């Protein structure tokens, strides 16, 4: 999932992903942006609300959500050949 560029837009729990370019309403998003300023500034709008892995997380693609208790969530991106 390091280079995933598909159109999956729901987390592994079925929560719709939040668009990457929207305002950062939650503390987790602000903390993540502070830890990865080089990444958050270059996230293109075409990411839309698709699952992505901009920080090369070994757990795979993820996205932000609107759920306060689950500010980010990993996505079930199928492996090649599945």
C-alpha atoms as a PDB file:
ATOM      1  CA  UNK A   1       0.000   0.000   0.000  1.00  0.00           C
ATOM      2  CA  UNK A   2       2.954   2.378  -0.126  1.00  0.00           C
ATOM      3  CA  UNK A   3       2.104   3.608  -3.606  1.00  0.00           C
ATOM      4  CA  UNK A   4      -1.656   3.026  -3.668  1.00  0.00           C
ATOM      5  CA  UNK A   5      -3.419   5.360  -6.113  1.00  0.00           C
ATOM      6  CA  UNK A   6      -6.870   3.769  -6.462  1.00  0.00           C
ATOM      7  CA  UNK A   7     -10.263   5.241  -5.685  1.00  0.00           C
ATOM      8  CA  UNK A   8     -11.202   3.498  -2.421  1.00  0.00           C
ATOM      9  CA  UNK A   9     -12.842   6.140  -0.250  1.00  0.00           C
ATOM     10  CA  UNK A  10     -14.018   4.224   2.822  1.00  0.00           C
ATOM     11  CA  UNK A  11     -12.037   3.146   5.869  1.00  0.00           C
ATOM     12  CA  UNK A  12     -11.765  -0.481   6.929  1.00  0.00           C
ATOM     13  CA  UNK A  13     -14.767   0.084   9.209  1.00  0.00           C
ATOM     14  CA  UNK A  14     -16.856   1.518   6.362  1.00  0.00           C
ATOM     15  CA  UNK A  15     -16.547   5.166   7.351  1.00  0.00           C
ATOM     16  CA  UNK A  16     -16.461   7.597   4.421  1.00  0.00           C
ATOM     17  CA  UNK A  17     -13.092   9.324   4.135  1.00  0.00           C
ATOM     18  CA  UNK A  18     -12.797  13.077   4.522  1.00  0.00           C
ATOM     19  CA  UNK A  19     -11.398  15.073   1.600  1.00  0.00           C
ATOM     20  CA  UNK A  20      -7.681  15.711   2.041  1.00  0.00           C
ATOM     21  CA  UNK A  21      -7.860  19.381   1.106  1.00  0.00           C
ATOM     22  CA  UNK A  22     -10.584  20.327   3.592  1.00  0.00           C
ATOM     23  CA  UNK A  23      -9.920  22.264   6.768  1.00  0.00           C
ATOM     24  CA  UNK A  24      -8.319  20.328   9.599  1.00  0.00           C
ATOM     25  CA  UNK A  25     -11.058  20.310  12.252  1.00  0.00           C
ATOM     26  CA  UNK A  26      -9.534  17.779  14.615  1.00  0.00           C
ATOM     27  CA  UNK A  27      -6.481  17.893  16.843  1.00  0.00           C
ATOM     28  CA  UNK A  28      -5.086  14.678  15.348  1.00  0.00           C
ATOM     29  CA  UNK A  29      -5.011  16.225  11.884  1.00  0.00           C
ATOM     30  CA  UNK A  30      -3.240  19.299  13.257  1.00  0.00           C
ATOM     31  CA  UNK A  31      -0.680  17.144  15.070  1.00  0.00           C
ATOM     32  CA  UNK A  32      -0.117  15.036  11.944  1.00  0.00           C
ATOM     33  CA  UNK A  33       0.298  18.156   9.818  1.00  0.00           C
ATOM     34  CA  UNK A  34       2.834  19.535  12.300  1.00  0.00           C
ATOM     35  CA  UNK A  35       4.801  16.278  12.234  1.00  0.00           C
ATOM     36  CA  UNK A  36       4.689  16.056   8.419  1.00  0.00           C
ATOM     37  CA  UNK A  37       4.686  19.638   7.111  1.00  0.00           C
ATOM     38  CA  UNK A  38       6.531  18.622   3.970  1.00  0.00           C
ATOM     39  CA  UNK A  39       3.824  16.075   3.120  1.00  0.00           C
ATOM     40  CA  UNK A  40       0.650  17.966   4.049  1.00  0.00           C
ATOM     41  CA  UNK A  41       1.708  20.948   1.914  1.00  0.00           C
ATOM     42  CA  UNK A  42       2.097  18.856  -1.211  1.00  0.00           C
ATOM     43  CA  UNK A  43      -1.014  16.682  -0.987  1.00  0.00           C
ATOM     44  CA  UNK A  44      -2.746  17.375  -4.299  1.00  0.00           C
ATOM     45  CA  UNK A  45      -6.462  18.082  -4.546  1.00  0.00           C
ATOM     46  CA  UNK A  46      -6.845  15.078  -6.821  1.00  0.00           C
ATOM     47  CA  UNK A  47      -6.405  12.899  -3.720  1.00  0.00           C
ATOM     48  CA  UNK A  48     -10.064  13.849  -3.136  1.00  0.00           C
ATOM     49  CA  UNK A  49     -11.212  11.654  -0.290  1.00  0.00           C
ATOM     50  CA  UNK A  50      -9.401   8.539  -1.514  1.00  0.00           C
ATOM     51  CA  UNK A  51      -7.367   6.342   0.799  1.00  0.00           C
ATOM     52  CA  UNK A  52      -3.690   7.242   0.478  1.00  0.00           C
ATOM     53  CA  UNK A  53      -0.376   6.661   2.207  1.00  0.00           C
ATOM     54  CA  UNK A  54       1.380  10.052   2.072  1.00  0.00           C
ATOM     55  CA  UNK A  55       3.673   9.274   5.010  1.00  0.00           C
ATOM     56  CA  UNK A  56       4.707   5.757   3.864  1.00  0.00           C
ATOM     57  CA  UNK A  57       2.954   4.174   6.849  1.00  0.00           C
ATOM     58  CA  UNK A  58       3.863   0.478   6.916  1.00  0.00           C
ATOM     59  CA  UNK A  59       0.268  -0.303   7.954  1.00  0.00           C
ATOM     60  CA  UNK A  60      -0.887   0.881   4.542  1.00  0.00           C
ATOM     61  CA  UNK A  61      -3.205   3.513   3.105  1.00  0.00           C
ATOM     62  CA  UNK A  62      -5.412   5.496   5.429  1.00  0.00           C
ATOM     63  CA  UNK A  63      -7.657   8.556   5.510  1.00  0.00           C
ATOM     64  CA  UNK A  64      -9.083  11.159   7.863  1.00  0.00           C
ATOM     65  CA  UNK A  65     -12.680  10.769   9.067  1.00  0.00           C
ATOM     66  CA  UNK A  66     -15.350  13.026  10.589  1.00  0.00           C
ATOM     67  CA  UNK A  67     -15.678  10.779  13.634  1.00  0.00           C
ATOM     68  CA  UNK A  68     -14.053  12.392  16.668  1.00  0.00           C
ATOM     69  CA  UNK A  69     -13.111   9.057  18.250  1.00  0.00           C
ATOM     70  CA  UNK A  70     -11.570   7.831  14.997  1.00  0.00           C
ATOM     71  CA  UNK A  71      -9.808  10.821  13.458  1.00  0.00           C
ATOM     72  CA  UNK A  72      -7.868   8.649  11.022  1.00  0.00           C
ATOM     73  CA  UNK A  73      -8.517   5.119   9.912  1.00  0.00           C
ATOM     74  CA  UNK A  74      -6.690   2.590   7.780  1.00  0.00           C
ATOM     75  CA  UNK A  75      -8.308   1.312   4.605  1.00  0.00           C
ATOM     76  CA  UNK A  76      -8.749  -2.249   3.364  1.00  0.00           C
ATOM     77  CA  UNK A  77      -6.922  -1.861   0.101  1.00  0.00           C
ATOM     78  CA  UNK A  78      -6.879  -5.220  -1.696  1.00  0.00           C
ATOM     79  CA  UNK A  79      -3.483  -6.685  -2.462  1.00  0.00           C
ATOM     80  CA  UNK A  80      -2.467  -7.075  -6.085  1.00  0.00           C
ATOM     81  CA  UNK A  81      -4.095 -10.157  -7.532  1.00  0.00           C
ATOM     82  CA  UNK A  82      -6.978 -10.247  -5.050  1.00  0.00           C
END
